[in-house]
Amino acid sequence: MKGLFSVGLVWLWLWASPAQAARLAIVIDDLGYQHMPSPLSALPPQISVSILPETPYDQLTARQARQEFRDVLLHMPMQPSRTAPLEMTTLTEAMSKEELQSKLRFALTRVPGAVAVNNHMGSALTQNPTAMGWVMEVLKQEHLAFLDSRTTARSVAQSQAQAAHIPALRRHVFLDHVPTETFIRRQLKQAVLQAKKQGTVIAIGHPHPITLSTLTAMLPEIQQQVTLVRLSELFPTGS
């Protein structure tokens, strides 16, 4: 009996250990301009994808991702603070409520089956409480969640979503804004460390060949240290 009790304690320790409790969600942004990359399709279904609307392969990519049992997000273009080329569907501060919401609703039709929306760029718009309030009205009507990509530390997007009682999360780590293997490896290790420390982490990357190859190489090591989860597993319930 004593031996069984000791074994039980060991299993309880393993189940409750920080490494086992730590959860990591990874989202690959900016899909839609090409077919789903085969290295991405080969990754575990816990890897989520976010698709730009009105791109050549937006609907096809959304369908394929769902067939692969992935979470699909609408990667909604939003106005940045700096001058940059804008997507056709970019939401801007100059829009009326009707125009902004109509454009968002149209974008949602281009990414069927989305479980959530996250912002593409948006360092200007996500600081605008009024505009983000309009965005959240649509998401609430459509029963969708929101992931704040946090392209600015001044973003009010997550707080506006929470005020509208919409399930909301935020990005913690960008994986590949310096697209080199050394940098991506460092960012993935940082994501693992943060997950162990704070319990959950969301990392965002892009479908660059170097990102996908580095992620493929490191995943076995990562999954020994943290639990890889779908983004939808992290959204709070009862919002």
Protein backbone atom coordinates (compact mmCIF):
# COMPACT_ATOMS: atom_id res chain seq x y z
CA MET A 1 0.00 0.00 0.00
CA LYS A 2 2.84 2.35 0.87
CA GLY A 3 4.44 1.63 -2.51
CA LEU A 4 1.23 2.43 -4.34
CA PHE A 5 0.90 5.66 -2.38
CA SER A 6 4.46 6.66 -3.35
CA VAL A 7 3.78 5.91 -7.01
CA GLY A 8 0.64 8.01 -6.79
CA LEU A 9 2.58 10.94 -5.41
CA VAL A 10 5.11 10.69 -8.23
CA TRP A 11 2.36 10.75 -10.86
CA LEU A 12 0.68 13.69 -9.12
CA TRP A 13 3.98 15.60 -9.13
CA LEU A 14 4.49 14.87 -12.82
CA TRP A 15 0.96 15.98 -13.67
CA ALA A 16 1.23 19.20 -11.68
CA SER A 17 4.82 20.08 -12.54
CA PRO A 18 5.33 23.53 -14.11
CA ALA A 19 6.62 22.04 -17.37
CA GLN A 20 3.48 19.92 -17.78
CA ALA A 21 1.14 22.72 -16.73
CA ALA A 22 2.74 25.30 -19.06
CA ARG A 23 0.80 25.79 -22.29
CA LEU A 24 1.98 27.32 -25.56
CA ALA A 25 -0.20 28.35 -28.51
CA ILE A 26 1.39 29.28 -31.83
CA VAL A 27 -0.37 31.22 -34.58
CA ILE A 28 1.01 31.55 -38.11
CA ASP A 29 -0.17 34.85 -39.63
CA ASP A 30 -0.33 36.31 -43.15
CA LEU A 31 -1.68 33.29 -45.00
CA GLY A 32 -3.72 33.67 -48.18
CA TYR A 33 -1.28 34.91 -50.78
CA GLN A 34 -0.16 31.38 -51.60
CA HIS A 35 -1.35 27.81 -51.16
CA MET A 36 -0.98 26.44 -47.66
CA PRO A 37 2.75 25.67 -47.39
CA SER A 38 3.35 21.93 -47.15
CA PRO A 39 5.75 22.34 -44.18
CA LEU A 40 2.93 24.09 -42.31
CA SER A 41 0.46 21.31 -43.16
CA ALA A 42 2.97 18.84 -41.72
CA LEU A 43 3.01 20.59 -38.35
CA PRO A 44 0.69 19.42 -35.54
CA PRO A 45 -2.96 20.55 -35.78
CA GLN A 46 -2.50 22.58 -32.59
CA ILE A 47 -0.68 25.18 -34.73
CA SER A 48 -3.33 27.77 -35.64
CA VAL A 49 -3.44 29.85 -38.82
CA SER A 50 -4.60 33.42 -39.48
CA ILE A 51 -5.66 34.34 -43.01
CA LEU A 52 -5.70 37.72 -44.74
CA PRO A 53 -9.05 38.41 -46.46
CA GLU A 54 -9.38 39.15 -50.16
CA THR A 55 -6.17 37.35 -51.02
CA PRO A 56 -5.91 34.81 -53.87
CA TYR A 57 -6.11 31.75 -51.62
CA ASP A 58 -8.04 33.00 -48.56
CA GLN A 59 -11.07 30.69 -48.83
CA LEU A 60 -9.09 27.71 -50.09
CA THR A 61 -6.59 28.05 -47.23
CA ALA A 62 -9.41 28.33 -44.68
CA ARG A 63 -11.01 25.14 -45.98
CA GLN A 64 -7.72 23.25 -45.98
CA ALA A 65 -6.88 24.42 -42.45
CA ARG A 66 -10.25 23.18 -41.21
CA GLN A 67 -9.65 19.84 -42.93
CA GLU A 68 -6.39 19.69 -40.97
CA PHE A 69 -8.41 20.35 -37.77
CA ARG A 70 -6.70 23.68 -37.10
CA ASP A 71 -8.12 26.81 -35.52
CA VAL A 72 -8.65 29.42 -38.22
CA LEU A 73 -8.51 33.17 -37.58
CA LEU A 74 -9.34 36.16 -39.75
CA HIS A 75 -6.18 38.28 -39.91
CA MET A 76 -7.99 41.61 -40.21
CA PRO A 77 -5.92 44.45 -41.70
CA MET A 78 -6.02 47.60 -39.58
CA GLN A 79 -4.46 51.02 -39.97
CA PRO A 80 -0.84 51.28 -38.80
CA SER A 81 0.81 54.36 -37.29
CA ARG A 82 3.55 54.42 -39.91
CA THR A 83 3.12 54.81 -43.64
CA ALA A 84 2.90 51.39 -45.26
CA PRO A 85 1.17 49.65 -48.17
CA LEU A 86 -2.36 48.74 -47.06
CA GLU A 87 -4.48 45.71 -47.87
CA MET A 88 -7.75 46.36 -49.75
CA THR A 89 -9.80 45.52 -46.67
CA THR A 90 -7.85 47.64 -44.18
CA LEU A 91 -9.98 49.23 -41.46
CA THR A 92 -9.04 52.89 -40.94
CA GLU A 93 -9.83 55.69 -38.51
CA ALA A 94 -11.37 57.72 -41.35
CA MET A 95 -14.21 55.20 -41.80
CA SER A 96 -17.71 55.68 -40.49
CA LYS A 97 -19.14 53.02 -38.21
CA GLU A 98 -21.25 51.65 -41.06
CA GLU A 99 -18.29 51.44 -43.47
CA LEU A 100 -15.96 49.87 -40.95
CA GLN A 101 -18.45 47.25 -39.83
CA SER A 102 -19.51 46.45 -43.39
CA LYS A 103 -15.89 45.90 -44.42
CA LEU A 104 -15.28 43.66 -41.41
CA ARG A 105 -18.38 41.58 -42.12
CA PHE A 106 -17.31 41.16 -45.74
CA ALA A 107 -13.83 40.07 -44.63
CA LEU A 108 -15.39 37.41 -42.42
CA THR A 109 -17.11 35.89 -45.47
CA ARG A 110 -13.69 35.49 -47.07
CA VAL A 111 -12.39 33.34 -44.19
CA PRO A 112 -15.19 30.86 -43.50
CA GLY A 113 -15.11 28.99 -40.22
CA ALA A 114 -12.97 31.52 -38.34
CA VAL A 115 -13.10 31.10 -34.57
CA ALA A 116 -11.49 34.47 -33.86
CA VAL A 117 -10.05 37.65 -35.36
CA ASN A 118 -6.60 39.13 -34.85
CA ASN A 119 -5.21 42.38 -36.21
CA HIS A 120 -2.79 42.66 -39.12
CA MET A 121 -0.67 45.76 -38.43
CA GLY A 122 -3.11 48.11 -36.65
CA SER A 123 -0.78 50.10 -34.43
CA ALA A 124 -3.00 53.16 -35.02
CA LEU A 125 -6.47 51.63 -35.09
CA THR A 126 -5.99 49.42 -32.03
CA GLN A 127 -5.31 52.58 -29.99
CA ASN A 128 -8.71 53.99 -30.98
CA PRO A 129 -11.38 52.98 -28.42
CA THR A 130 -14.28 54.06 -30.63
CA ALA A 131 -13.15 52.10 -33.69
CA MET A 132 -12.29 49.03 -31.63
CA GLY A 133 -15.69 49.25 -29.97
CA TRP A 134 -17.27 49.06 -33.43
CA VAL A 135 -15.12 46.02 -34.24
CA MET A 136 -16.22 44.28 -31.05
CA GLU A 137 -19.89 44.90 -31.80
CA VAL A 138 -19.54 42.80 -34.95
CA LEU A 139 -17.55 40.06 -33.22
CA LYS A 140 -20.14 39.82 -30.47
CA GLN A 141 -22.93 39.46 -33.03
CA GLU A 142 -20.94 36.77 -34.84
CA HIS A 143 -19.94 34.96 -31.59
CA LEU A 144 -16.24 35.31 -32.34
CA ALA A 145 -13.24 35.81 -30.07
CA PHE A 146 -10.40 38.32 -30.46
CA LEU A 147 -6.63 37.96 -30.29
CA ASP A 148 -4.74 41.23 -29.89
CA SER A 149 -1.57 40.93 -31.94
CA ARG A 150 -0.16 43.77 -29.81
CA THR A 151 1.55 45.71 -32.58
CA THR A 152 1.65 48.59 -30.11
CA ALA A 153 1.95 48.67 -26.34
CA ARG A 154 -0.81 51.31 -26.36
CA SER A 155 -3.41 48.93 -27.80
CA VAL A 156 -6.86 49.06 -26.21
CA ALA A 157 -8.15 46.17 -28.32
CA GLN A 158 -8.09 43.50 -25.60
CA SER A 159 -9.68 45.77 -23.02
CA GLN A 160 -12.41 46.82 -25.49
CA ALA A 161 -13.12 43.16 -26.22
CA GLN A 162 -13.34 42.36 -22.53
CA ALA A 163 -15.65 45.32 -21.96
CA ALA A 164 -17.93 43.90 -24.67
CA HIS A 165 -17.81 40.48 -22.95
CA ILE A 166 -15.96 38.89 -25.85
CA PRO A 167 -13.36 36.17 -25.16
CA ALA A 168 -10.02 37.92 -25.67
CA LEU A 169 -6.32 37.11 -25.53
CA ARG A 170 -3.06 38.87 -26.42
CA ARG A 171 0.15 37.91 -28.16
CA HIS A 172 3.21 37.57 -25.92
CA VAL A 173 6.06 36.70 -28.32
CA PHE A 174 6.78 37.51 -31.97
CA LEU A 175 8.87 34.70 -33.43
CA ASP A 176 10.38 36.01 -36.63
CA HIS A 177 10.49 39.78 -37.03
CA VAL A 178 14.19 39.06 -37.59
CA PRO A 179 13.89 36.13 -40.05
CA THR A 180 17.00 34.14 -39.16
CA GLU A 181 17.26 30.68 -37.63
CA THR A 182 19.30 31.99 -34.69
CA PHE A 183 16.73 34.63 -33.82
CA ILE A 184 13.72 32.34 -34.26
CA ARG A 185 15.31 29.67 -32.06
CA ARG A 186 15.93 32.31 -29.38
CA GLN A 187 12.32 33.51 -29.56
CA LEU A 188 10.93 29.98 -29.32
CA LYS A 189 13.08 29.32 -26.26
CA GLN A 190 11.84 32.61 -24.77
CA ALA A 191 8.24 31.53 -25.39
CA VAL A 192 8.87 28.25 -23.57
CA LEU A 193 10.49 30.02 -20.62
CA GLN A 194 7.61 32.49 -20.36
CA ALA A 195 5.05 29.67 -20.54
CA LYS A 196 6.77 27.90 -17.65
CA LYS A 197 6.77 31.12 -15.65
CA GLN A 198 3.28 32.48 -16.34
CA GLY A 199 1.37 29.33 -17.32
CA THR A 200 0.30 30.25 -20.87
CA VAL A 201 1.97 32.02 -23.79
CA ILE A 202 0.82 32.93 -27.28
CA ALA A 203 3.46 33.26 -30.00
CA ILE A 204 2.90 34.62 -33.50
CA GLY A 205 5.02 33.83 -36.54
CA HIS A 206 4.75 33.94 -40.32
CA PRO A 207 4.91 31.34 -43.10
CA HIS A 208 8.53 32.09 -43.98
CA PRO A 209 10.42 28.92 -44.97
CA ILE A 210 12.99 29.61 -42.24
CA THR A 211 10.26 29.98 -39.61
CA LEU A 212 8.56 26.72 -40.59
CA SER A 213 11.80 24.75 -40.83
CA THR A 214 13.04 26.03 -37.47
CA LEU A 215 9.70 25.32 -35.84
CA THR A 216 9.67 21.80 -37.30
CA ALA A 217 13.17 21.13 -35.97
CA MET A 218 12.47 22.49 -32.49
CA LEU A 219 8.97 21.14 -31.84
CA PRO A 220 10.05 17.78 -30.37
CA GLU A 221 12.20 19.60 -27.80
CA ILE A 222 9.48 22.20 -27.15
CA GLN A 223 6.81 19.54 -26.57
CA GLN A 224 8.97 17.88 -23.94
CA GLN A 225 8.87 21.10 -21.93
CA VAL A 226 5.41 22.57 -22.49
CA THR A 227 2.02 21.48 -23.79
CA LEU A 228 1.26 22.72 -27.30
CA VAL A 229 -2.40 23.79 -27.44
CA ARG A 230 -4.89 25.22 -29.87
CA LEU A 231 -5.50 28.93 -29.45
CA SER A 232 -9.19 28.25 -28.76
CA GLU A 233 -8.22 26.23 -25.67
CA LEU A 234 -6.92 29.41 -24.05
CA PHE A 235 -9.88 31.72 -24.56
CA PRO A 236 -11.70 32.44 -21.29
CA THR A 237 -15.20 31.03 -21.05
CA GLY A 238 -18.28 32.72 -19.69
CA SER A 239 -17.41 36.13 -21.19
